[in-house]
Amino acid sequence: MKKVMMVALALSLSAASVSCKKGMDKIGNAVLKAGENESQAIIDFNNDFLDSYKTSSRHIENIVKYAEAAVKKSKGETVYSMPVVIGSMDYSLSKIKGIPSGFENDKTIIETDFNTYKAKRESIEKKYEELKSYITSEDYKDDKGAKAEALQKDIDAEAQAFFTAGENVLTKIKPATDTAEEVILKDHPMKEFILSSKTLMTSMDSVMDVLDKQYTGGFNEAEAQKKYDEFEKVVAINTQKVFNVKEQQYAYKKTEFENVNKKAADFLDKYRKLIRDSKSTGRIADSNINEMDSAYESVLNSYNSFVK
């Protein structure tokens, strides 16, 4: 199972009407001191990093699967086809030139984890190329797969460091990013619908967290059904909202808002199917979790289109 990215991109400042009035309540110190420009820098960093993490995570996990298969092949086990690792250019990562000063005291910590994230991605890519050459040339026939084992061990360790660093960055940037969104959305005409949709995304993330654990640890019908019921209520609340934004420039957003809810309803359909299919076996099948992954991506893409 690929690592599911539990993220929802923040609203772009360019789409918002910003108002930083004096006396604004409960705005985080970092963002309050930073002002409008740094608020945008925080949002931009958040969006670029999330895009990068989403792209690179899949790439890294495919390399991990390739390394596992490479060891089996090098040891003489039957491997009908090696996992495909498609070249991945992380354009979003290249857009990040530094850590915004608006993160203040957390800036140094974020920078350390971010540098680890970049370094591990680069290192894993190089080790994959080395392993690929080793397998393609069948050099494993000379050392009975010793190099494959060593490279797999290195790749696994560095992949874990990559994901740890990525999660650390996400955890550290979230408070300032949430506050920057509050600043940006304070007077935005679509504030109600954006925040409600963000709540939907957060709830869906929680669903996928549970299913991810059950996929590897065993199906728990009661827990899965509870999460289904919670998410169904959130979707119902969002769906019942009437998009009554009067500003003409946002008229086209009505369709995008409705599309978020349609995709969320599709997600629920797949969820019901998963629960039904998993009852008898006590486990979540690959096909079901893949359907949920796909449905999640559809909701996320619709949400991102709506808030941008």
Protein backbone atom coordinates (compact mmCIF):
# COMPACT_ATOMS: atom_id res chain seq x y z
CA MET A 1 0.00 0.00 0.00
CA LYS A 2 1.34 3.38 -0.86
CA LYS A 3 1.73 5.89 1.91
CA VAL A 4 -1.45 7.95 1.95
CA MET A 5 -0.85 11.64 2.28
CA MET A 6 -3.14 13.05 4.93
CA VAL A 7 -3.02 16.65 3.76
CA ALA A 8 -5.16 19.41 2.43
CA LEU A 9 -3.54 22.36 0.74
CA ALA A 10 -4.11 25.78 2.19
CA LEU A 11 -5.82 28.61 0.38
CA SER A 12 -3.58 30.65 -1.87
CA LEU A 13 -3.26 34.26 -0.77
CA SER A 14 -3.71 35.43 -4.35
CA ALA A 15 -7.31 34.22 -4.21
CA ALA A 16 -8.13 35.94 -0.97
CA SER A 17 -9.06 39.38 0.22
CA VAL A 18 -6.61 40.00 3.05
CA SER A 19 -7.30 42.21 6.00
CA CYS A 20 -4.85 42.45 8.91
CA LYS A 21 -6.75 44.74 11.25
CA LYS A 22 -5.52 45.87 14.63
CA GLY A 23 -6.96 43.93 17.52
CA MET A 24 -7.41 40.70 15.58
CA ASP A 25 -8.07 38.05 18.23
CA LYS A 26 -5.90 35.01 18.90
CA ILE A 27 -3.58 35.29 15.92
CA GLY A 28 -0.36 33.34 16.44
CA ASN A 29 2.60 35.52 17.40
CA ALA A 30 4.75 34.41 14.49
CA VAL A 31 2.19 35.23 11.83
CA LEU A 32 0.94 38.36 13.60
CA LYS A 33 4.46 39.78 13.70
CA ALA A 34 5.22 38.64 10.18
CA GLY A 35 2.37 40.48 8.46
CA GLU A 36 0.80 39.87 5.08
CA ASN A 37 3.95 39.13 3.09
CA GLU A 38 5.22 36.49 5.49
CA SER A 39 1.72 35.02 5.75
CA GLN A 40 1.86 34.42 2.02
CA ALA A 41 5.40 33.02 2.32
CA ILE A 42 4.17 30.56 4.97
CA ILE A 43 1.22 29.48 2.84
CA ASP A 44 3.43 29.10 -0.24
CA PHE A 45 5.96 27.01 1.66
CA ASN A 46 3.16 24.86 3.06
CA ASN A 47 1.67 24.23 -0.38
CA ASP A 48 5.00 23.55 -2.08
CA PHE A 49 6.16 21.19 0.64
CA LEU A 50 2.91 19.25 0.67
CA ASP A 51 3.06 18.87 -3.10
CA SER A 52 6.68 17.74 -2.82
CA TYR A 53 5.97 15.27 -0.05
CA LYS A 54 3.06 13.78 -1.96
CA THR A 55 5.15 13.31 -5.11
CA SER A 56 8.35 12.14 -3.47
CA SER A 57 6.66 9.78 -0.99
CA ARG A 58 5.20 7.72 -3.78
CA HIS A 59 8.51 7.68 -5.59
CA ILE A 60 10.42 6.59 -2.48
CA GLU A 61 7.90 3.84 -1.67
CA ASN A 62 8.21 2.48 -5.19
CA ILE A 63 11.98 2.35 -4.73
CA VAL A 64 11.52 0.48 -1.44
CA LYS A 65 9.34 -2.09 -3.23
CA TYR A 66 11.91 -2.37 -6.01
CA ALA A 67 14.66 -3.02 -3.46
CA GLU A 68 12.61 -5.78 -1.82
CA ALA A 69 12.07 -7.46 -5.17
CA ALA A 70 15.73 -6.99 -6.09
CA VAL A 71 16.87 -8.96 -3.05
CA LYS A 72 14.49 -11.80 -3.88
CA LYS A 73 15.65 -11.88 -7.48
CA SER A 74 19.31 -11.80 -6.48
CA LYS A 75 18.74 -14.77 -4.17
CA GLY A 76 17.24 -16.85 -6.94
CA GLU A 77 13.58 -16.45 -5.97
CA THR A 78 11.04 -16.13 -8.74
CA VAL A 79 10.16 -12.52 -9.47
CA TYR A 80 7.85 -12.32 -12.44
CA SER A 81 8.27 -8.59 -12.90
CA MET A 82 10.23 -5.94 -11.08
CA PRO A 83 8.23 -3.06 -9.59
CA VAL A 84 8.18 -0.07 -11.88
CA VAL A 85 9.94 3.05 -10.64
CA ILE A 86 9.10 5.97 -12.87
CA GLY A 87 11.49 8.91 -12.90
CA SER A 88 10.18 11.64 -10.61
CA MET A 89 11.04 15.32 -10.97
CA ASP A 90 10.02 17.10 -7.79
CA TYR A 91 9.29 20.54 -9.21
CA SER A 92 7.63 21.74 -6.01
CA LEU A 93 10.77 20.98 -4.03
CA SER A 94 12.86 23.03 -6.44
CA LYS A 95 10.54 26.01 -5.82
CA ILE A 96 11.43 26.11 -2.14
CA LYS A 97 14.38 28.47 -1.73
CA GLY A 98 14.36 28.69 2.05
CA ILE A 99 12.32 28.52 5.24
CA PRO A 100 10.14 31.62 5.78
CA SER A 101 11.17 33.78 8.71
CA GLY A 102 7.54 33.83 9.86
CA PHE A 103 8.09 30.45 11.49
CA GLU A 104 10.31 32.29 13.98
CA ASN A 105 11.57 30.00 16.77
CA ASP A 106 10.70 26.88 14.79
CA LYS A 107 12.57 28.05 11.70
CA THR A 108 15.87 26.37 12.61
CA ILE A 109 14.23 23.07 13.53
CA ILE A 110 12.15 23.08 10.34
CA GLU A 111 15.24 23.88 8.32
CA THR A 112 17.15 20.94 9.85
CA ASP A 113 14.37 18.47 9.05
CA PHE A 114 13.84 19.96 5.61
CA ASN A 115 17.54 19.57 4.77
CA THR A 116 17.40 15.95 5.98
CA TYR A 117 14.33 15.41 3.82
CA LYS A 118 16.12 16.70 0.72
CA ALA A 119 19.36 14.85 1.45
CA LYS A 120 17.63 11.52 2.04
CA ARG A 121 15.59 11.84 -1.13
CA GLU A 122 18.74 12.45 -3.16
CA SER A 123 20.65 9.64 -1.46
CA ILE A 124 17.85 7.10 -1.97
CA GLU A 125 17.66 8.04 -5.64
CA LYS A 126 21.40 7.40 -6.07
CA LYS A 127 21.23 4.06 -4.27
CA TYR A 128 18.29 3.04 -6.45
CA GLU A 129 20.27 3.79 -9.60
CA GLU A 130 23.15 1.72 -8.24
CA LEU A 131 20.81 -1.15 -7.41
CA LYS A 132 19.09 -0.95 -10.77
CA SER A 133 22.43 -1.22 -12.56
CA TYR A 134 23.39 -4.17 -10.37
CA ILE A 135 20.17 -6.03 -11.20
CA THR A 136 20.13 -5.16 -14.89
CA SER A 137 23.70 -6.35 -15.38
CA GLU A 138 23.00 -9.45 -13.25
CA ASP A 139 26.06 -8.75 -11.13
CA TYR A 140 24.26 -10.55 -8.31
CA LYS A 141 25.46 -13.77 -9.92
CA ASP A 142 28.96 -12.83 -8.77
CA ASP A 143 28.23 -12.11 -5.10
CA LYS A 144 25.02 -14.09 -4.54
CA GLY A 145 23.00 -10.97 -3.85
CA ALA A 146 25.18 -9.51 -1.10
CA LYS A 147 25.17 -6.03 -2.60
CA ALA A 148 21.41 -6.10 -3.10
CA GLU A 149 20.91 -6.88 0.59
CA ALA A 150 23.26 -4.09 1.64
CA LEU A 151 21.58 -1.55 -0.63
CA GLN A 152 18.11 -2.59 0.49
CA LYS A 153 19.14 -2.13 4.11
CA ASP A 154 20.46 1.35 3.34
CA ILE A 155 17.39 2.29 1.31
CA ASP A 156 15.01 1.13 4.04
CA ALA A 157 16.87 3.09 6.72
CA GLU A 158 17.05 6.24 4.63
CA ALA A 159 13.41 5.94 3.58
CA GLN A 160 12.44 5.85 7.25
CA ALA A 161 14.56 8.94 7.89
CA PHE A 162 12.97 10.62 4.86
CA PHE A 163 9.44 10.01 6.11
CA THR A 164 10.32 10.98 9.68
CA ALA A 165 11.80 14.27 8.50
CA GLY A 166 8.80 14.93 6.25
CA GLU A 167 6.32 14.29 9.05
CA ASN A 168 8.35 16.48 11.40
CA VAL A 169 8.18 19.37 8.92
CA LEU A 170 4.43 18.94 8.52
CA THR A 171 3.93 18.92 12.28
CA LYS A 172 6.07 22.01 12.82
CA ILE A 173 4.58 24.14 10.03
CA LYS A 174 0.94 23.37 10.82
CA PRO A 175 0.32 25.90 13.67
CA ALA A 176 1.74 28.84 11.72
CA THR A 177 0.02 27.69 8.52
CA ASP A 178 -3.35 27.42 10.26
CA THR A 179 -2.90 30.90 11.68
CA ALA A 180 -1.86 32.28 8.30
CA GLU A 181 -5.07 30.82 6.87
CA GLU A 182 -7.05 32.62 9.56
CA VAL A 183 -5.38 35.89 8.61
CA ILE A 184 -6.04 35.32 4.93
CA LEU A 185 -9.60 34.15 5.37
CA LYS A 186 -10.73 36.74 7.93
CA ASP A 187 -12.74 38.78 5.42
CA HIS A 188 -12.87 36.30 2.56
CA PRO A 189 -16.36 35.89 1.03
CA MET A 190 -15.95 32.10 0.87
CA LYS A 191 -14.64 31.69 4.41
CA GLU A 192 -17.60 29.62 5.62
CA PHE A 193 -17.35 27.15 2.75
CA ILE A 194 -13.58 26.88 2.82
CA LEU A 195 -13.44 26.15 6.55
CA SER A 196 -16.32 23.70 6.32
CA SER A 197 -14.60 21.88 3.46
CA LYS A 198 -11.35 21.86 5.40
CA THR A 199 -13.21 20.18 8.26
CA LEU A 200 -14.39 17.58 5.74
CA MET A 201 -10.80 16.97 4.65
CA THR A 202 -9.61 16.64 8.25
CA SER A 203 -12.34 14.10 8.94
CA MET A 204 -11.44 12.15 5.81
CA ASP A 205 -7.78 12.14 6.88
CA SER A 206 -8.88 10.56 10.15
CA VAL A 207 -10.77 7.89 8.23
CA MET A 208 -7.71 7.03 6.16
CA ASP A 209 -5.52 6.91 9.27
CA VAL A 210 -7.80 4.22 10.69
CA LEU A 211 -8.02 2.26 7.45
CA ASP A 212 -4.27 2.44 6.97
CA LYS A 213 -3.74 0.86 10.40
CA GLN A 214 -6.41 -1.76 9.80
CA TYR A 215 -4.96 -2.63 6.42
CA THR A 216 -1.79 -3.83 8.13
CA GLY A 217 -3.18 -4.81 11.54
CA GLY A 218 -6.52 -6.45 10.82
CA PHE A 219 -10.03 -5.21 10.09
CA ASN A 220 -12.09 -3.83 12.99
CA GLU A 221 -15.69 -3.45 11.82
CA ALA A 222 -16.90 -1.44 14.81
CA GLU A 223 -14.09 1.08 14.53
CA ALA A 224 -14.43 1.34 10.75
CA GLN A 225 -18.20 1.84 11.00
CA LYS A 226 -17.80 4.50 13.68
CA LYS A 227 -15.45 6.45 11.43
CA TYR A 228 -17.85 6.01 8.54
CA ASP A 229 -20.73 7.45 10.57
CA GLU A 230 -18.61 10.42 11.68
CA PHE A 231 -17.50 11.25 8.17
CA GLU A 232 -21.00 10.78 6.74
CA LYS A 233 -22.31 13.47 9.12
CA VAL A 234 -19.53 15.88 8.11
CA VAL A 235 -20.26 15.31 4.41
CA ALA A 236 -23.98 15.88 5.03
CA ILE A 237 -23.29 19.21 6.75
CA ASN A 238 -21.08 20.40 3.91
CA THR A 239 -23.49 19.19 1.25
CA GLN A 240 -26.43 20.99 2.84
CA LYS A 241 -24.66 24.35 2.67
CA VAL A 242 -26.04 26.67 0.01
CA PHE A 243 -23.24 28.43 -1.83
CA ASN A 244 -24.66 31.95 -1.61
CA VAL A 245 -21.50 33.99 -2.22
CA LYS A 246 -22.66 37.14 -3.98
CA GLU A 247 -19.35 38.35 -5.41
CA GLN A 248 -19.41 37.54 -9.12
CA GLN A 249 -15.71 36.70 -9.26
CA TYR A 250 -16.41 33.63 -7.13
CA ALA A 251 -19.49 32.44 -9.00
CA TYR A 252 -17.56 29.62 -10.71
CA LYS A 253 -16.53 28.30 -7.30
CA LYS A 254 -20.06 27.03 -6.71
CA THR A 255 -19.49 24.14 -9.11
CA GLU A 256 -16.12 23.36 -7.54
CA PHE A 257 -17.64 23.38 -4.04
CA GLU A 258 -20.38 21.02 -5.17
CA ASN A 259 -17.79 18.80 -6.79
CA VAL A 260 -15.98 18.41 -3.46
CA ASN A 261 -19.19 17.07 -1.98
CA LYS A 262 -19.87 14.76 -4.93
CA LYS A 263 -16.40 13.27 -4.66
CA ALA A 264 -16.87 12.90 -0.90
CA ALA A 265 -20.12 10.99 -1.56
CA ASP A 266 -18.18 8.71 -3.92
CA PHE A 267 -15.66 8.18 -1.14
CA LEU A 268 -18.48 7.07 1.15
CA ASP A 269 -19.70 4.63 -1.51
CA LYS A 270 -16.26 3.01 -1.67
CA TYR A 271 -16.09 3.00 2.13
CA ARG A 272 -19.35 1.07 2.46
CA LYS A 273 -18.06 -1.45 -0.06
CA LEU A 274 -14.83 -1.86 1.89
CA ILE A 275 -16.71 -2.53 5.14
CA ARG A 276 -18.95 -5.08 3.45
CA ASP A 277 -16.09 -6.87 1.71
CA SER A 278 -13.89 -6.95 4.81
CA LYS A 279 -16.45 -8.41 7.22
CA SER A 280 -16.09 -12.00 6.09
CA THR A 281 -12.31 -12.09 5.73
CA GLY A 282 -11.29 -9.98 8.71
CA ARG A 283 -8.87 -8.05 6.54
CA ILE A 284 -8.88 -5.17 4.07
CA ALA A 285 -8.07 -6.38 0.57
CA ASP A 286 -5.55 -4.61 -1.65
CA SER A 287 -8.29 -3.80 -4.15
CA ASN A 288 -10.41 -2.10 -1.49
CA ILE A 289 -7.61 0.01 -0.05
CA ASN A 290 -6.54 1.01 -3.55
CA GLU A 291 -10.11 2.13 -4.27
CA MET A 292 -10.06 4.20 -1.09
CA ASP A 293 -6.71 5.72 -2.03
CA SER A 294 -8.10 6.69 -5.42
CA ALA A 295 -11.30 8.10 -3.93
CA TYR A 296 -9.26 10.09 -1.41
CA GLU A 297 -7.12 11.58 -4.15
CA SER A 298 -10.25 12.61 -6.06
CA VAL A 299 -11.65 14.48 -3.05
CA LEU A 300 -8.28 16.09 -2.34
CA ASN A 301 -7.87 17.26 -5.93
CA SER A 302 -11.38 18.73 -5.92
CA TYR A 303 -10.71 20.47 -2.64
CA ASN A 304 -7.45 21.92 -3.89
CA SER A 305 -9.17 23.25 -7.02
CA PHE A 306 -11.86 24.84 -4.86
CA VAL A 307 -9.58 26.65 -2.42
CA LYS A 308 -7.02 27.86 -4.95
